[in-house]
């Protein structure tokens, strides 16, 4: 665990060095591309404001992740067990991912309001597909040896699902959850851009309108930290629940 933080710190220092080097070499206007110091100063001027909005976005991310993941797990279970649903519902699931999120976001704000509800729904819509897809593939690719064993024990379809298919599909599910945690900020921020009274997306819109580029960058840094923290937690849980697989889901 400590090595993960060390590697992340090394990468961040390397990126900061490249960032500062670009400032020294090209010397762009600060309103186009601020220096790391300018971004730090923008954060230091009002840290409470930025951090409070970060927690709003993080709350939307976590709740959207939970709702979207639960929906994805349920849909994958239904699709894997019922051929009729698999035939007619899977194309609909795929179609939902072809709709541009920027087109859906204003509708969700109209339907669910400017509060946290529309952001959770937006994040859930983006998150549930990778979870559904990964878990579905895992459920459908259970080893034939395991299925033969279940048949020899005269297990019912439900018993086979619980004792063989789901355990075999857990590594795939955890991989889908890891991907979902990575893209969770997209739904929350897009929802905030469509209409919100708080959150990092709201802060970025306000700062962009005032050409406060350093504030935009500070918000992006906080958003990246939030996404990395959520993904790190999911990876730790994945390694705990699939310890028997012999590989780390990282």
Foldseek 3Di string as FASTA:
>chain_A
DVVVVVVVVVVVVVVLVVLQVCCVPVVDDCLVRNHPVLLVVLCVVPVPQLVVQLVLLLVLLVLLLVLLLVVLVVLLVVLLPDVVCVVPVVVVLVVLVVDDLLVVLLVLCVVVNQDSVSLSVQLSSVLNSLLNVQLNVQLNPFDVVLVVVCVVVVHDPVRCCVPTRNLSSLLSNLLSSLVSLLCSSVSNLSNVCSHYDGHLNVQLVVCVVVSVVSSNVNSVVSSVVSSVVSSVVSQVVSCVSNVVVVDRSD
